[in-house]
Amino acid sequence: MPTTRVTGRGPKSPVDEEFLKQLFQGGELLAQGRLDEARRLLERAHQLQPRNEKGRNMLGLAYFKLGHFDRAAEIYEALVRDNPVDATLRVNLGLVYLKTNALQRAMREFATATDLQPDHKKAHNYLGLALAQAGEYGRARQHFLVAGSEAMAQKMARAIAGNSFARTPARAATPAPLPVPAARPPPPPPSEGQWGAQFGLDEVPPATDDELRFDEDEGPGALSASDSGADARAPDGTPGDGDGAAAWDSASQPDGERLPESLEGATPELPPQSAAFAPTEEVPLLAELTPALALEGASPTQRLRVGGGSFSVYVEGELLTRLEGLVAFSGQLEFEPERKRFRGRATDEPFGQGSARFTRASGRGVLFLEAAEGHSFLATDLGDTGVYVREECVFAFEEVVAFENGKVPSDVPPDLELVYLRGQGRVVLRVRGALRSVGVTPEAPVTVPMSYLVGWQGSVTPRVVPLSRDNPPPGVGVELSGEGFALISLPLR
């Protein structure tokens, strides 16, 4: 489904006018640092147009600034699913993960952003920060060099050489006690000239000290336009090259053509891992560190959490799921291997093989799972609509969903293994990229390479066919004829 975009062309409905009003006022309050007021207006705008890309982006930014990282993650995960080739959205999602100490997820998003847009300097800079926190100084240095962060690249070189960053005195006979770090005063609300910094429109400032501190005074997008030497406005009041307030001015016109879209520069402070490279007083207490690293799990009020390559589900009763990628589970759960069903009856054949075999989880508790590399999870509600899915693409489904296993034999290996799902319940799919559909009509059959096929809906007949007449063929496809939709997965490049 395409996202709704505000174009400012043609007559607007009262709903559109109200949406633009809430969005504009919410953006103004967000820029002024009045976060709670901004959140309420942006939530109202989101209710009016829940699929609007810019509205969701700004609401995600408000949640991020307020520290509601779970809500910010949900919004940016959904935006990335809808716009899988948008590098800026991936950087925003990576920043949310970076703030919540999910280093592997953050690095995955930043790396994908650099693949999509190799000259995205801030994506390279943030990827360098995440890699440095993970101790991968060599890789971090390469990304800092691409980003133009010479000071950080030099610090990585010193880290590789084993040099100390902190200015520490000569070894004493007895160790000095660790000083308590002073609390930092909250930053003042941004002025008009600082709007560029608020929305990631400023330059990467050079580091000047010899201590490696990954926080607001050294990360990318930290200084305002005036701080970094780029004046936001020319003396005559026209927009200048600094593009901080200028970008906001052009974004805030009533036609809603442009709105700030980036979290870059909005990070108040990076996670505690950065303290490993700072002087000893920055080392966090374990009692404070451990709760901050807690995984976001499902709950009785939010029974399913899917996004960013992770999946957690609150089980109360029974759930059919693979345990491949199991990270942990809590509560009282029991697991029984599941068997395939043909024509309404259970068979002796296992449903899946090895660690990927389906199990019937019963009891009460929470499951935490991570997708294999190159895969992601997608949850959907069947709404009592039947769907055929390739067996390897089905990961979990609620017990109320009826299932039947099937197979389309092929003269060209492999056979097409299928699962038919139907019922008013939720299903979690495992895919290699963005989920898309292609219409199938009696006049125009559709053929999909088997590796891209997820399944189909409707009155459709499948047939496995070679993709080429070469001997041996380079691959096989599935020809779908009839009327319905082919479901395909587009791998990210």
Protein backbone atom coordinates (compact mmCIF):
# COMPACT_ATOMS: atom_id res chain seq x y z
CA MET A 1 0.00 0.00 0.00
CA PRO A 2 1.49 3.38 -0.96
CA THR A 3 1.99 5.90 1.80
CA THR A 4 -0.10 9.04 1.81
CA ARG A 5 1.95 12.10 0.96
CA VAL A 6 1.05 15.74 1.55
CA THR A 7 1.52 17.48 -1.77
CA GLY A 8 -0.24 20.79 -1.32
CA ARG A 9 -1.84 20.50 -4.74
CA GLY A 10 -5.56 20.74 -5.38
CA PRO A 11 -8.36 21.46 -2.90
CA LYS A 12 -7.99 20.02 0.58
CA SER A 13 -10.75 18.40 2.61
CA PRO A 14 -11.50 19.59 6.18
CA VAL A 15 -9.68 16.50 7.44
CA ASP A 16 -6.61 17.40 5.35
CA GLU A 17 -6.71 20.98 6.63
CA GLU A 18 -6.98 19.83 10.24
CA PHE A 19 -4.17 17.30 9.70
CA LEU A 20 -1.85 19.97 8.28
CA LYS A 21 -2.72 22.32 11.14
CA GLN A 22 -1.91 19.72 13.80
CA LEU A 23 1.25 18.65 11.96
CA PHE A 24 2.53 22.21 11.51
CA GLN A 25 1.81 23.25 15.11
CA GLY A 26 3.27 20.00 16.44
CA GLY A 27 6.44 20.59 14.43
CA GLU A 28 6.72 24.13 15.79
CA LEU A 29 6.40 22.90 19.38
CA LEU A 30 8.86 20.10 18.72
CA ALA A 31 11.43 22.58 17.46
CA GLN A 32 10.89 24.68 20.60
CA GLY A 33 11.51 21.70 22.87
CA ARG A 34 7.89 21.61 24.15
CA LEU A 35 7.82 17.88 23.71
CA ASP A 36 4.65 16.79 25.51
CA GLU A 37 2.57 19.43 23.75
CA ALA A 38 4.14 18.47 20.43
CA ARG A 39 3.44 14.79 21.04
CA ARG A 40 -0.26 15.40 21.68
CA LEU A 41 -0.68 17.38 18.46
CA LEU A 42 1.33 14.92 16.40
CA GLU A 43 -0.66 11.99 17.82
CA ARG A 44 -3.82 13.82 16.76
CA ALA A 45 -2.39 14.31 13.27
CA HIS A 46 -1.50 10.61 13.19
CA GLN A 47 -5.08 9.68 14.08
CA LEU A 48 -6.37 11.80 11.20
CA GLN A 49 -3.94 10.34 8.64
CA PRO A 50 -2.31 7.22 10.13
CA ARG A 51 -0.53 6.32 6.87
CA ASN A 52 1.01 9.74 6.27
CA GLU A 53 4.76 9.30 6.04
CA LYS A 54 5.80 12.73 7.32
CA GLY A 55 3.32 12.65 10.18
CA ARG A 56 4.59 9.28 11.38
CA ASN A 57 8.19 10.44 11.02
CA MET A 58 7.68 13.51 13.21
CA LEU A 59 5.70 11.54 15.80
CA GLY A 60 8.57 9.06 15.93
CA LEU A 61 10.97 11.95 16.51
CA ALA A 62 8.79 13.25 19.37
CA TYR A 63 8.72 9.81 21.01
CA PHE A 64 12.49 9.56 20.58
CA LYS A 65 13.13 12.91 22.26
CA LEU A 66 10.75 12.01 25.11
CA GLY A 67 12.59 8.73 25.69
CA HIS A 68 9.64 6.56 24.55
CA PHE A 69 12.00 4.37 22.54
CA ASP A 70 9.64 1.40 22.20
CA ARG A 71 7.04 3.63 20.51
CA ALA A 72 9.67 5.31 18.37
CA ALA A 73 10.97 1.89 17.29
CA GLU A 74 7.48 0.72 16.31
CA ILE A 75 6.96 3.79 14.13
CA TYR A 76 10.33 3.63 12.40
CA GLU A 77 10.16 -0.12 11.94
CA ALA A 78 6.82 0.37 10.17
CA LEU A 79 8.22 3.24 8.08
CA VAL A 80 11.19 1.11 7.04
CA ARG A 81 8.86 -1.74 6.06
CA ASP A 82 6.87 0.68 3.89
CA ASN A 83 9.98 2.39 2.49
CA PRO A 84 12.75 -0.24 2.54
CA VAL A 85 15.10 1.75 0.27
CA ASP A 86 14.96 5.04 2.22
CA ALA A 87 18.40 5.47 3.80
CA THR A 88 17.35 8.30 6.15
CA LEU A 89 14.56 6.22 7.72
CA ARG A 90 17.04 3.43 8.34
CA VAL A 91 19.43 5.85 10.02
CA ASN A 92 16.56 7.03 12.25
CA LEU A 93 15.70 3.45 13.21
CA GLY A 94 19.36 2.74 13.85
CA LEU A 95 19.56 5.72 16.19
CA VAL A 96 16.63 4.35 18.22
CA TYR A 97 18.41 1.01 18.51
CA LEU A 98 21.70 2.72 19.35
CA LYS A 99 20.01 4.66 22.15
CA THR A 100 18.58 1.43 23.60
CA ASN A 101 21.92 -0.40 23.41
CA ALA A 102 20.75 -2.77 20.65
CA LEU A 103 24.12 -2.52 18.92
CA GLN A 104 23.69 -5.35 16.42
CA ARG A 105 20.35 -4.01 15.21
CA ALA A 106 21.73 -0.48 15.03
CA MET A 107 24.74 -1.60 12.99
CA ARG A 108 22.46 -3.56 10.64
CA GLU A 109 20.35 -0.47 9.90
CA PHE A 110 23.33 1.88 9.52
CA ALA A 111 25.10 -0.62 7.23
CA THR A 112 21.98 -0.98 5.09
CA ALA A 113 21.75 2.82 4.87
CA THR A 114 25.34 3.01 3.61
CA ASP A 115 24.58 0.28 1.06
CA LEU A 116 21.54 2.20 -0.17
CA GLN A 117 23.34 5.55 -0.18
CA PRO A 118 27.14 5.11 -0.14
CA ASP A 119 27.77 8.85 0.28
CA HIS A 120 25.49 9.19 3.35
CA LYS A 121 28.15 10.60 5.70
CA LYS A 122 26.03 10.55 8.82
CA ALA A 123 25.13 6.90 8.27
CA HIS A 124 28.87 6.13 8.03
CA ASN A 125 29.57 8.23 11.14
CA TYR A 126 26.88 6.54 13.25
CA LEU A 127 27.98 3.13 11.98
CA GLY A 128 31.50 4.07 13.09
CA LEU A 129 30.21 4.95 16.57
CA ALA A 130 28.31 1.66 16.88
CA LEU A 131 31.28 -0.38 15.65
CA ALA A 132 33.61 1.42 18.06
CA GLN A 133 31.29 0.65 20.96
CA ALA A 134 31.40 -2.99 19.87
CA GLY A 135 35.21 -2.88 19.92
CA GLU A 136 35.62 -3.17 16.14
CA TYR A 137 38.03 -0.25 15.85
CA GLY A 138 39.42 -1.11 12.42
CA ARG A 139 36.03 -1.17 10.71
CA ALA A 140 34.94 1.89 12.69
CA ARG A 141 37.97 3.82 11.47
CA GLN A 142 37.13 3.10 7.83
CA HIS A 143 33.61 4.48 8.24
CA PHE A 144 34.85 7.55 10.11
CA LEU A 145 37.21 8.25 7.22
CA VAL A 146 34.35 8.00 4.71
CA ALA A 147 32.28 10.31 6.92
CA GLY A 148 35.11 12.87 7.06
CA SER A 149 35.51 12.49 10.85
CA GLU A 150 39.28 12.69 10.94
CA ALA A 151 39.46 13.15 14.72
CA MET A 152 37.44 10.02 15.36
CA ALA A 153 39.45 8.08 12.79
CA GLN A 154 42.64 9.07 14.64
CA LYS A 155 41.14 7.88 17.92
CA MET A 156 40.35 4.53 16.33
CA ALA A 157 43.96 4.32 15.13
CA ARG A 158 45.15 4.95 18.68
CA ALA A 159 42.71 2.33 19.97
CA ILE A 160 44.12 -0.21 17.48
CA ALA A 161 47.63 0.66 18.62
CA GLY A 162 46.58 0.16 22.23
CA ASN A 163 47.12 3.77 23.34
CA SER A 164 45.08 5.27 26.19
CA PHE A 165 42.58 8.02 25.49
CA ALA A 166 42.36 9.34 29.01
CA ARG A 167 44.83 11.77 30.49
CA THR A 168 45.73 9.61 33.49
CA PRO A 169 48.53 10.33 35.97
CA ALA A 170 51.47 8.01 36.53
CA ARG A 171 50.70 4.84 38.43
CA ALA A 172 50.32 5.54 42.11
CA ALA A 173 51.06 3.25 45.01
CA THR A 174 47.38 3.00 45.88
CA PRO A 175 44.49 3.46 43.47
CA ALA A 176 42.48 6.61 43.85
CA PRO A 177 38.74 6.27 44.51
CA LEU A 178 36.46 6.64 41.52
CA PRO A 179 34.93 10.13 41.44
CA VAL A 180 31.20 10.48 41.06
CA PRO A 181 30.37 12.09 37.71
CA ALA A 182 28.59 15.42 38.02
CA ALA A 183 25.05 15.60 36.71
CA ARG A 184 24.73 17.46 33.45
CA PRO A 185 22.25 20.32 33.35
CA PRO A 186 19.46 19.82 30.79
CA PRO A 187 20.08 21.64 27.50
CA PRO A 188 18.06 24.83 26.94
CA PRO A 189 15.23 24.76 24.38
CA PRO A 190 16.60 25.31 20.88
CA SER A 191 16.44 28.75 19.38
CA GLU A 192 15.46 29.42 15.78
CA GLY A 193 19.08 29.21 14.70
CA GLN A 194 19.34 25.75 16.28
CA TRP A 195 16.49 24.13 14.38
CA GLY A 196 18.99 22.65 11.95
CA ALA A 197 20.67 20.79 14.79
CA GLN A 198 17.32 19.60 16.07
CA PHE A 199 16.52 17.84 12.84
CA GLY A 200 19.94 16.64 11.74
CA LEU A 201 20.69 19.39 9.21
CA ASP A 202 23.99 20.51 10.67
CA GLU A 203 27.56 19.47 9.96
CA VAL A 204 29.69 16.96 11.84
CA PRO A 205 31.86 18.96 14.27
CA PRO A 206 35.52 18.05 14.72
CA ALA A 207 36.63 16.59 18.04
CA THR A 208 39.28 18.60 19.86
CA ASP A 209 40.15 16.62 22.98
CA ASP A 210 42.15 13.44 23.48
CA GLU A 211 39.45 11.53 25.33
CA LEU A 212 37.07 9.31 23.42
CA ARG A 213 33.61 10.26 24.61
CA PHE A 214 30.65 9.26 22.52
CA ASP A 215 28.07 11.76 23.63
CA GLU A 216 26.32 14.88 22.49
CA ASP A 217 29.46 17.01 22.21
CA GLU A 218 31.26 14.69 19.84
CA GLY A 219 28.73 12.78 17.78
CA PRO A 220 27.50 13.79 14.37
CA GLY A 221 24.90 16.50 14.25
CA ALA A 222 25.76 17.79 17.70
CA LEU A 223 26.30 21.50 17.12
CA SER A 224 23.80 24.04 15.97
CA ALA A 225 24.26 25.79 12.65
CA SER A 226 25.77 28.81 14.37
CA ASP A 227 28.09 26.64 16.49
CA SER A 228 29.52 24.86 13.46
CA GLY A 229 30.23 28.07 11.63
CA ALA A 230 27.32 27.82 9.19
CA ASP A 231 24.98 30.72 9.73
CA ALA A 232 21.38 29.67 9.29
CA ARG A 233 20.41 32.99 7.75
CA ALA A 234 22.19 35.62 5.75
CA PRO A 235 22.37 39.17 7.20
CA ASP A 236 19.37 40.22 5.11
CA GLY A 237 17.24 37.48 6.67
CA THR A 238 17.14 35.20 3.65
CA PRO A 239 17.98 31.52 4.05
CA GLY A 240 21.71 30.93 4.10
CA ASP A 241 23.95 27.98 3.34
CA GLY A 242 23.68 26.61 6.86
CA ASP A 243 20.16 25.40 5.92
CA GLY A 244 19.10 24.91 9.53
CA ALA A 245 16.24 27.38 9.94
CA ALA A 246 15.97 27.64 6.18
CA ALA A 247 15.05 23.99 5.88
CA TRP A 248 12.42 24.37 8.55
CA ASP A 249 11.04 27.56 6.97
CA SER A 250 10.54 25.78 3.66
CA ALA A 251 9.11 22.78 5.47
CA SER A 252 6.60 24.73 7.50
CA GLN A 253 4.71 26.39 4.67
CA PRO A 254 0.96 25.70 4.73
CA ASP A 255 1.15 23.39 1.71
CA GLY A 256 3.15 20.92 3.84
CA GLU A 257 5.58 20.22 1.01
CA ARG A 258 8.59 19.58 3.27
CA LEU A 259 8.91 18.69 6.90
CA PRO A 260 11.99 17.71 8.92
CA GLU A 261 12.41 13.96 8.64
CA SER A 262 15.57 12.96 10.48
CA LEU A 263 16.50 12.01 14.02
CA GLU A 264 20.13 12.66 13.15
CA GLY A 265 21.54 15.15 15.60
CA ALA A 266 18.69 14.54 18.02
CA THR A 267 20.56 12.02 20.16
CA PRO A 268 20.90 13.62 23.59
CA GLU A 269 23.53 11.10 24.63
CA LEU A 270 24.80 7.76 23.43
CA PRO A 271 24.40 4.53 25.43
CA PRO A 272 26.50 3.51 28.40
CA GLN A 273 28.77 1.24 26.28
CA SER A 274 30.59 4.37 25.17
CA ALA A 275 31.91 4.65 28.71
CA ALA A 276 34.26 1.76 28.01
CA PHE A 277 36.43 4.19 26.04
CA ALA A 278 36.14 7.13 28.46
CA PRO A 279 37.97 7.89 31.72
CA THR A 280 37.23 5.57 34.61
CA GLU A 281 34.61 7.82 36.17
CA GLU A 282 32.32 7.18 33.18
CA VAL A 283 32.05 3.41 33.83
CA PRO A 284 28.38 2.65 34.69
CA LEU A 285 27.32 0.77 37.78
CA LEU A 286 26.20 -2.77 37.00
CA ALA A 287 22.98 -2.19 38.98
CA GLU A 288 22.16 0.70 36.62
CA LEU A 289 23.45 -0.95 33.46
CA THR A 290 21.54 -4.23 33.73
CA PRO A 291 17.97 -2.78 33.75
CA ALA A 292 18.87 -0.50 30.84
CA LEU A 293 19.77 -3.54 28.72
CA ALA A 294 16.45 -5.33 29.22
CA LEU A 295 14.87 -6.75 26.06
CA GLU A 296 11.52 -5.29 25.03
CA GLY A 297 9.10 -8.19 25.45
CA ALA A 298 5.46 -8.85 24.70
CA SER A 299 2.90 -8.53 27.50
CA PRO A 300 -0.77 -9.30 28.18
CA THR A 301 -1.67 -5.85 26.81
CA GLN A 302 0.66 -6.15 23.78
CA ARG A 303 0.76 -9.83 22.95
CA LEU A 304 2.88 -9.56 19.84
CA ARG A 305 5.99 -7.46 19.19
CA VAL A 306 7.57 -7.75 15.77
CA GLY A 307 10.21 -5.52 14.20
CA GLY A 308 13.87 -4.97 13.49
CA GLY A 309 14.59 -8.67 13.08
CA SER A 310 13.14 -9.64 16.46
CA PHE A 311 9.91 -11.31 17.53
CA SER A 312 8.45 -11.72 21.00
CA VAL A 313 5.03 -13.13 21.84
CA TYR A 314 3.01 -13.50 25.02
CA VAL A 315 1.75 -17.08 25.15
CA GLU A 316 -1.42 -17.81 27.09
CA GLY A 317 -2.81 -21.13 25.97
CA GLU A 318 -1.14 -22.50 22.86
CA LEU A 319 0.99 -21.17 20.01
CA LEU A 320 2.54 -23.00 17.08
CA THR A 321 6.03 -21.68 16.39
CA ARG A 322 9.51 -22.57 15.29
CA LEU A 323 12.19 -22.25 17.97
CA GLU A 324 14.91 -21.39 15.46
CA GLY A 325 16.61 -18.24 16.74
CA LEU A 326 15.25 -18.65 20.28
CA VAL A 327 16.97 -16.14 22.58
CA ALA A 328 15.09 -16.77 25.81
CA PHE A 329 11.67 -17.48 27.26
CA SER A 330 10.09 -16.56 30.56
CA GLY A 331 7.22 -18.02 32.54
CA GLN A 332 5.99 -21.61 32.50
CA LEU A 333 6.05 -22.94 28.94
CA GLU A 334 6.19 -26.44 27.54
CA PHE A 335 7.11 -27.39 23.97
CA GLU A 336 5.79 -30.37 22.04
CA PRO A 337 7.02 -31.18 18.49
CA GLU A 338 4.30 -30.64 15.90
CA ARG A 339 3.43 -32.98 13.03
CA LYS A 340 2.16 -32.18 9.56
CA ARG A 341 -1.54 -32.40 8.76
CA PHE A 342 -3.02 -33.72 5.53
CA ARG A 343 -6.74 -33.69 4.79
CA GLY A 344 -7.59 -32.73 8.36
CA ARG A 345 -5.58 -35.49 10.03
CA ALA A 346 -2.23 -35.47 11.79
CA THR A 347 0.50 -37.58 10.19
CA ASP A 348 3.75 -39.08 11.42
CA GLU A 349 5.79 -36.62 9.35
CA PRO A 350 7.47 -33.80 11.34
CA PHE A 351 6.40 -30.23 10.54
CA GLY A 352 9.84 -28.82 9.70
CA GLN A 353 13.29 -30.27 10.25
CA GLY A 354 15.92 -29.91 12.98
CA SER A 355 16.00 -26.57 14.82
CA ALA A 356 13.44 -25.21 12.34
CA ARG A 357 10.79 -27.76 13.34
CA PHE A 358 7.45 -26.39 14.51
CA THR A 359 6.54 -26.89 18.16
CA ARG A 360 3.32 -26.38 20.06
CA ALA A 361 4.14 -24.01 22.93
CA SER A 362 1.65 -24.22 25.78
CA GLY A 363 1.30 -22.53 29.15
CA ARG A 364 1.87 -18.89 30.04
CA GLY A 365 5.00 -16.91 29.33
CA VAL A 366 6.95 -14.82 26.82
CA LEU A 367 9.10 -16.04 23.93
CA PHE A 368 12.03 -13.98 22.59
CA LEU A 369 13.33 -14.86 19.10
CA GLU A 370 15.71 -13.31 16.57
CA ALA A 371 15.56 -13.75 12.81
CA ALA A 372 18.44 -15.34 10.92
CA GLU A 373 20.77 -12.99 9.05
CA GLY A 374 19.12 -11.55 5.96
CA HIS A 375 15.60 -12.28 7.24
CA SER A 376 12.91 -10.30 9.04
CA PHE A 377 9.55 -11.01 10.64
CA LEU A 378 6.16 -9.74 9.48
CA ALA A 379 2.93 -10.19 11.45
CA THR A 380 -0.50 -10.22 9.84
CA ASP A 381 -4.08 -10.99 10.89
CA LEU A 382 -5.82 -13.43 8.56
CA GLY A 383 -9.27 -12.02 9.29
CA ASP A 384 -10.79 -15.40 8.34
CA THR A 385 -9.16 -15.22 4.89
CA GLY A 386 -7.31 -18.28 3.63
CA VAL A 387 -3.75 -18.05 2.31
CA TYR A 388 -1.22 -20.49 0.87
CA VAL A 389 2.33 -19.85 2.13
CA ARG A 390 5.60 -21.58 1.36
CA GLU A 391 6.44 -23.70 4.36
CA GLU A 392 9.80 -22.03 4.98
CA CYS A 393 8.11 -18.59 5.12
CA VAL A 394 5.73 -19.53 7.97
CA PHE A 395 7.30 -18.92 11.38
CA ALA A 396 4.45 -18.90 13.92
CA PHE A 397 0.67 -18.73 14.17
CA GLU A 398 -1.99 -18.72 16.86
CA GLU A 399 -3.64 -21.98 17.82
CA VAL A 400 -7.03 -20.77 16.52
CA VAL A 401 -5.61 -20.71 12.97
CA ALA A 402 -6.33 -23.98 11.15
CA PHE A 403 -3.49 -25.36 9.04
CA GLU A 404 -3.02 -27.99 6.38
CA ASN A 405 0.25 -29.06 4.79
CA GLY A 406 0.58 -29.64 1.08
CA LYS A 407 3.04 -30.16 -1.73
CA VAL A 408 3.16 -29.31 -5.42
CA PRO A 409 5.29 -31.99 -7.06
CA SER A 410 7.79 -30.92 -9.68
CA ASP A 411 9.78 -32.58 -12.44
CA VAL A 412 12.45 -29.96 -11.70
CA PRO A 413 13.62 -30.17 -8.06
CA PRO A 414 12.69 -29.03 -5.53
CA ASP A 415 9.00 -29.69 -4.85
CA LEU A 416 6.94 -26.77 -3.60
CA GLU A 417 6.19 -27.33 0.12
CA LEU A 418 3.12 -25.37 1.25
CA VAL A 419 1.02 -24.57 4.31
CA TYR A 420 -2.62 -23.51 3.95
CA LEU A 421 -3.70 -21.20 6.82
CA ARG A 422 -7.21 -20.07 7.61
CA GLY A 423 -8.98 -18.61 10.65
CA GLN A 424 -9.42 -15.43 12.63
CA GLY A 425 -5.96 -15.29 14.10
CA ARG A 426 -2.50 -13.87 13.61
CA VAL A 427 0.39 -15.30 11.64
CA VAL A 428 4.08 -14.36 11.72
CA LEU A 429 5.88 -14.70 8.39
CA ARG A 430 9.64 -14.91 7.92
CA VAL A 431 10.74 -13.10 4.76
CA ARG A 432 13.96 -11.94 3.12
CA GLY A 433 12.84 -8.38 2.41
CA ALA A 434 9.81 -6.22 1.73
CA LEU A 435 6.54 -8.08 1.12
CA ARG A 436 4.83 -7.17 -2.16
CA SER A 437 1.98 -8.57 -4.28
CA VAL A 438 1.36 -9.07 -7.99
CA GLY A 439 -2.14 -9.46 -9.38
CA VAL A 440 -3.01 -12.75 -11.09
CA THR A 441 -5.77 -12.80 -13.72
CA PRO A 442 -7.09 -15.53 -16.05
CA GLU A 443 -5.68 -13.58 -18.99
CA ALA A 444 -2.26 -12.98 -17.42
CA PRO A 445 -0.70 -15.82 -15.37
CA VAL A 446 2.22 -14.80 -13.16
CA THR A 447 5.51 -16.68 -12.79
CA VAL A 448 7.71 -15.99 -9.75
CA PRO A 449 11.17 -17.45 -9.02
CA MET A 450 10.62 -19.91 -6.19
CA SER A 451 13.19 -18.18 -3.97
CA TYR A 452 11.12 -14.95 -4.11
CA LEU A 453 7.70 -16.56 -3.67
CA VAL A 454 6.02 -16.21 -0.27
CA GLY A 455 2.59 -17.56 -1.24
CA TRP A 456 -0.71 -16.51 -2.78
CA GLN A 457 -4.32 -15.64 -2.07
CA GLY A 458 -7.41 -16.29 -4.13
CA SER A 459 -8.50 -18.94 -6.61
CA VAL A 460 -5.05 -19.69 -7.96
CA THR A 461 -3.52 -22.86 -9.39
CA PRO A 462 0.26 -23.33 -9.00
CA ARG A 463 2.68 -25.17 -11.29
CA VAL A 464 6.43 -25.52 -10.84
CA VAL A 465 8.24 -24.65 -14.07
CA PRO A 466 11.86 -24.19 -15.16
CA LEU A 467 12.91 -20.57 -15.62
CA SER A 468 15.01 -21.49 -18.63
CA ARG A 469 15.21 -24.24 -21.24
CA ASP A 470 18.93 -24.62 -20.52
CA ASN A 471 20.11 -28.01 -19.35
CA PRO A 472 20.51 -27.90 -16.41
CA PRO A 473 18.21 -24.92 -15.75
CA PRO A 474 19.55 -22.06 -13.62
CA GLY A 475 16.51 -22.21 -11.36
CA VAL A 476 12.81 -22.93 -11.05
CA GLY A 477 9.76 -20.74 -10.80
CA VAL A 478 6.13 -21.11 -9.82
CA GLU A 479 3.52 -20.26 -12.43
CA LEU A 480 0.26 -19.04 -10.88
CA SER A 481 -2.90 -19.01 -12.99
CA GLY A 482 -6.46 -18.08 -12.10
CA GLU A 483 -7.52 -15.01 -10.13
CA GLY A 484 -5.90 -13.63 -7.01
CA PHE A 485 -2.58 -12.26 -5.81
CA ALA A 486 0.95 -13.61 -5.73
CA LEU A 487 2.85 -12.68 -2.55
CA ILE A 488 6.55 -12.08 -3.13
CA SER A 489 9.51 -10.95 -1.05
CA LEU A 490 11.96 -8.42 -2.48
CA PRO A 491 15.43 -8.88 -0.96
CA LEU A 492 17.14 -5.65 0.08
CA ARG A 493 20.16 -4.72 -2.00
